[in-house]
Amino acid sequence: MILEEIYMKAIGLIILLVFYFVYIGKMVLQRRQGIQTDQIAKGSRRDKVFYIELIMKAATYSVVIIEVISIVFVKPVVPSHVRFLGMILGFVGDVVFALAVITMKDNWRAGIAENDKTEMVTAGIYQFSRNPAFLGFDLVYLGIVLMFFNWVLLLFSVFAVVMLHLQILQEEKYLPQVFGEAYLLYCSKVCRYLGTKR
């Protein structure tokens, strides 16, 4: 039982390490090319988008702290099969997120980048999800909650998911201005999170 718990804690930490290695690694690679990936709550604007991005940033940063505390210190309260499901979802989230940022190539940005010229990406994983990076975040959050459930972790995770969703809604208002009909056609064919439309 103790050995199983050590394994689960190690797996939980690995899920987070893989996810943030991809996230930070991609940002570092883009920075070397002169690309500012992190556009979250940047610039001089102080509109609704700015405040949503600012709160989203606080939510996604704070949930990582709560996740690590939960993994290291919280005693498991859910059955093993639920924790195993969480492990699977966490690793799937890692893969989905990695595929999203790899497929985006140098077009990936965190936040709305009003002054950057990017191309619309609809290939690869973007054929099945308009927001696979956000889906990856959500799956990792859900996986960690199922593996290391506690009410504080659940609350922070739900708040982060809600803020990510609000960010998606802001991006959906912005992207038609950049990509026009092509983006609207894409929205008519591919679901926000997962799936295609007929």
Protein backbone atom coordinates (compact mmCIF):
# COMPACT_ATOMS: atom_id res chain seq x y z
CA MET A 1 0.00 0.00 0.00
CA ILE A 2 2.80 2.43 0.87
CA LEU A 3 4.70 1.44 -2.27
CA GLU A 4 1.56 1.95 -4.38
CA GLU A 5 1.12 5.44 -2.90
CA ILE A 6 4.75 6.32 -3.66
CA TYR A 7 4.19 5.22 -7.26
CA MET A 8 1.01 7.28 -7.55
CA LYS A 9 2.74 10.37 -6.16
CA ALA A 10 5.64 9.88 -8.58
CA ILE A 11 3.22 9.43 -11.49
CA GLY A 12 1.30 12.57 -10.50
CA LEU A 13 4.51 14.58 -10.42
CA ILE A 14 5.60 13.11 -13.76
CA ILE A 15 2.28 14.14 -15.35
CA LEU A 16 2.86 17.72 -14.19
CA LEU A 17 6.55 17.72 -15.13
CA VAL A 18 5.84 16.49 -18.66
CA PHE A 19 3.07 19.05 -19.14
CA TYR A 20 5.10 22.02 -17.95
CA PHE A 21 8.26 20.80 -19.68
CA VAL A 22 6.34 20.98 -22.97
CA TYR A 23 4.80 24.36 -22.05
CA ILE A 24 8.00 26.05 -20.88
CA GLY A 25 10.18 24.27 -23.45
CA LYS A 26 8.04 25.58 -26.32
CA MET A 27 8.16 29.10 -24.88
CA VAL A 28 11.96 28.96 -24.61
CA LEU A 29 12.32 27.67 -28.18
CA GLN A 30 10.07 30.43 -29.50
CA ARG A 31 11.85 33.10 -27.46
CA ARG A 32 15.14 32.07 -29.12
CA GLN A 33 13.45 32.93 -32.43
CA GLY A 34 12.33 36.30 -31.11
CA ILE A 35 8.73 35.18 -30.55
CA GLN A 36 7.00 36.32 -27.36
CA THR A 37 4.75 33.33 -26.63
CA ASP A 38 3.29 34.58 -23.37
CA GLN A 39 0.83 37.31 -24.37
CA ILE A 40 -1.41 36.80 -21.33
CA ALA A 41 -2.51 40.16 -19.88
CA LYS A 42 0.30 41.96 -21.71
CA GLY A 43 0.22 45.36 -23.32
CA SER A 44 -1.42 48.64 -22.42
CA ARG A 45 -5.06 47.65 -22.86
CA ARG A 46 -7.23 47.44 -19.73
CA ASP A 47 -10.39 45.93 -21.15
CA LYS A 48 -12.44 42.83 -20.36
CA VAL A 49 -9.96 40.58 -22.18
CA PHE A 50 -7.07 41.93 -20.08
CA TYR A 51 -8.84 41.18 -16.79
CA ILE A 52 -9.99 37.72 -17.90
CA GLU A 53 -6.42 36.92 -18.93
CA LEU A 54 -5.03 38.31 -15.68
CA ILE A 55 -7.40 36.22 -13.55
CA MET A 56 -6.80 33.18 -15.78
CA LYS A 57 -3.05 33.55 -15.28
CA ALA A 58 -3.48 33.74 -11.50
CA ALA A 59 -5.81 30.72 -11.57
CA THR A 60 -3.52 28.55 -13.70
CA TYR A 61 -0.42 29.47 -11.70
CA SER A 62 -2.07 28.91 -8.32
CA VAL A 63 -3.59 25.57 -9.29
CA VAL A 64 -0.09 24.19 -9.95
CA ILE A 65 0.91 25.00 -6.37
CA ILE A 66 -2.23 23.31 -5.03
CA GLU A 67 -1.63 20.30 -7.30
CA VAL A 68 1.92 19.82 -6.02
CA ILE A 69 0.83 20.21 -2.39
CA SER A 70 -1.99 17.70 -2.99
CA ILE A 71 0.34 15.19 -4.63
CA VAL A 72 2.98 15.40 -1.92
CA PHE A 73 0.90 15.81 1.24
CA VAL A 74 -2.70 14.69 0.76
CA LYS A 75 -3.69 11.19 1.81
CA PRO A 76 -5.73 9.39 -0.89
CA VAL A 77 -9.48 9.23 -0.32
CA VAL A 78 -10.72 7.83 -3.64
CA PRO A 79 -10.64 4.18 -4.77
CA SER A 80 -7.67 2.88 -6.75
CA HIS A 81 -9.67 2.47 -9.96
CA VAL A 82 -10.67 6.17 -9.85
CA ARG A 83 -7.05 7.15 -9.29
CA PHE A 84 -6.01 4.93 -12.21
CA LEU A 85 -8.58 6.69 -14.42
CA GLY A 86 -7.10 10.01 -13.29
CA MET A 87 -3.63 8.80 -14.23
CA ILE A 88 -4.83 7.87 -17.73
CA LEU A 89 -6.58 11.23 -18.17
CA GLY A 90 -3.49 13.09 -16.97
CA PHE A 91 -1.22 11.36 -19.48
CA VAL A 92 -3.78 11.84 -22.26
CA GLY A 93 -3.82 15.54 -21.33
CA ASP A 94 -0.03 15.64 -21.67
CA VAL A 95 -0.20 14.05 -25.12
CA VAL A 96 -3.05 16.28 -26.32
CA PHE A 97 -1.24 19.41 -25.11
CA ALA A 98 2.06 18.35 -26.69
CA LEU A 99 0.36 17.60 -30.01
CA ALA A 100 -1.37 21.00 -29.87
CA VAL A 101 1.80 23.05 -29.40
CA ILE A 102 3.81 20.94 -31.85
CA THR A 103 1.13 21.24 -34.54
CA MET A 104 0.87 25.02 -34.02
CA LYS A 105 4.60 25.35 -34.76
CA ASP A 106 5.55 29.03 -34.37
CA ASN A 107 1.91 30.17 -34.38
CA TRP A 108 1.32 29.13 -30.77
CA ARG A 109 0.62 31.95 -28.33
CA ALA A 110 -0.67 32.02 -24.77
CA GLY A 111 -3.21 34.83 -24.65
CA ILE A 112 -4.52 37.07 -27.40
CA ALA A 113 -1.61 38.38 -29.45
CA GLU A 114 -3.06 41.43 -31.17
CA ASN A 115 0.21 42.57 -32.76
CA ASP A 116 1.61 39.20 -33.89
CA LYS A 117 1.00 37.83 -37.37
CA THR A 118 0.13 34.15 -37.10
CA GLU A 119 -1.40 31.58 -39.42
CA MET A 120 -4.61 29.70 -38.72
CA VAL A 121 -3.86 26.04 -38.02
CA THR A 122 -6.51 23.43 -38.84
CA ALA A 123 -4.35 20.36 -39.47
CA GLY A 124 -3.38 17.51 -37.17
CA ILE A 125 -5.12 17.51 -33.81
CA TYR A 126 -6.84 20.77 -34.78
CA GLN A 127 -9.05 18.71 -37.11
CA PHE A 128 -10.72 17.29 -34.00
CA SER A 129 -10.55 20.18 -31.53
CA ARG A 130 -10.40 23.94 -32.00
CA ASN A 131 -8.73 24.25 -28.59
CA PRO A 132 -6.60 21.15 -27.96
CA ALA A 133 -4.11 23.03 -25.75
CA PHE A 134 -6.96 24.09 -23.45
CA LEU A 135 -8.35 20.55 -23.61
CA GLY A 136 -4.93 19.28 -22.52
CA PHE A 137 -4.98 21.65 -19.53
CA ASP A 138 -8.47 20.46 -18.57
CA LEU A 139 -7.58 16.77 -18.83
CA VAL A 140 -4.47 17.22 -16.68
CA TYR A 141 -6.48 19.15 -14.08
CA LEU A 142 -9.19 16.47 -14.04
CA GLY A 143 -6.63 13.68 -13.88
CA ILE A 144 -4.83 15.19 -10.89
CA VAL A 145 -8.14 15.83 -9.10
CA LEU A 146 -9.14 12.18 -9.55
CA MET A 147 -5.75 10.95 -8.38
CA PHE A 148 -5.34 13.23 -5.35
CA PHE A 149 -8.85 14.43 -4.56
CA ASN A 150 -9.42 17.09 -1.93
CA TRP A 151 -11.90 19.95 -1.86
CA VAL A 152 -9.30 22.71 -2.15
CA LEU A 153 -7.78 21.07 -5.23
CA LEU A 154 -11.24 20.60 -6.76
CA LEU A 155 -12.14 24.25 -6.14
CA PHE A 156 -8.91 25.61 -7.63
CA SER A 157 -9.12 23.23 -10.60
CA VAL A 158 -12.72 24.12 -11.41
CA PHE A 159 -11.89 27.82 -11.16
CA ALA A 160 -8.92 27.37 -13.53
CA VAL A 161 -11.08 25.43 -16.02
CA VAL A 162 -13.76 28.15 -15.91
CA MET A 163 -11.16 30.85 -16.52
CA LEU A 164 -9.67 28.90 -19.43
CA HIS A 165 -13.17 28.58 -20.89
CA LEU A 166 -13.72 32.34 -20.57
CA GLN A 167 -10.40 32.84 -22.37
CA ILE A 168 -11.60 30.59 -25.20
CA LEU A 169 -14.77 32.68 -25.51
CA GLN A 170 -12.67 35.86 -25.79
CA GLU A 171 -10.46 34.28 -28.44
CA GLU A 172 -13.56 33.19 -30.37
CA LYS A 173 -14.63 36.84 -30.56
CA TYR A 174 -11.17 37.95 -31.68
CA LEU A 175 -10.19 35.29 -34.24
CA PRO A 176 -12.87 36.11 -36.87
CA GLN A 177 -11.38 39.62 -37.02
CA VAL A 178 -8.02 38.09 -37.92
CA PHE A 179 -8.95 35.10 -40.09
CA GLY A 180 -12.44 36.10 -41.29
CA GLU A 181 -14.66 33.57 -43.06
CA ALA A 182 -12.00 30.87 -42.91
CA TYR A 183 -12.25 30.82 -39.11
CA LEU A 184 -16.06 30.84 -39.14
CA LEU A 185 -16.06 27.92 -41.58
CA TYR A 186 -13.60 26.08 -39.34
CA CYS A 187 -15.89 26.69 -36.34
CA SER A 188 -18.79 25.24 -38.31
CA LYS A 189 -16.85 22.00 -38.86
CA VAL A 190 -14.86 21.43 -35.65
CA CYS A 191 -16.13 21.50 -32.06
CA ARG A 192 -14.74 23.83 -29.42
CA TYR A 193 -13.29 21.02 -27.30
CA LEU A 194 -13.58 17.69 -29.08
CA GLY A 195 -15.28 16.33 -32.15
CA THR A 196 -16.41 17.32 -35.60
CA LYS A 197 -19.74 18.62 -36.82
CA ARG A 198 -21.68 17.19 -39.74
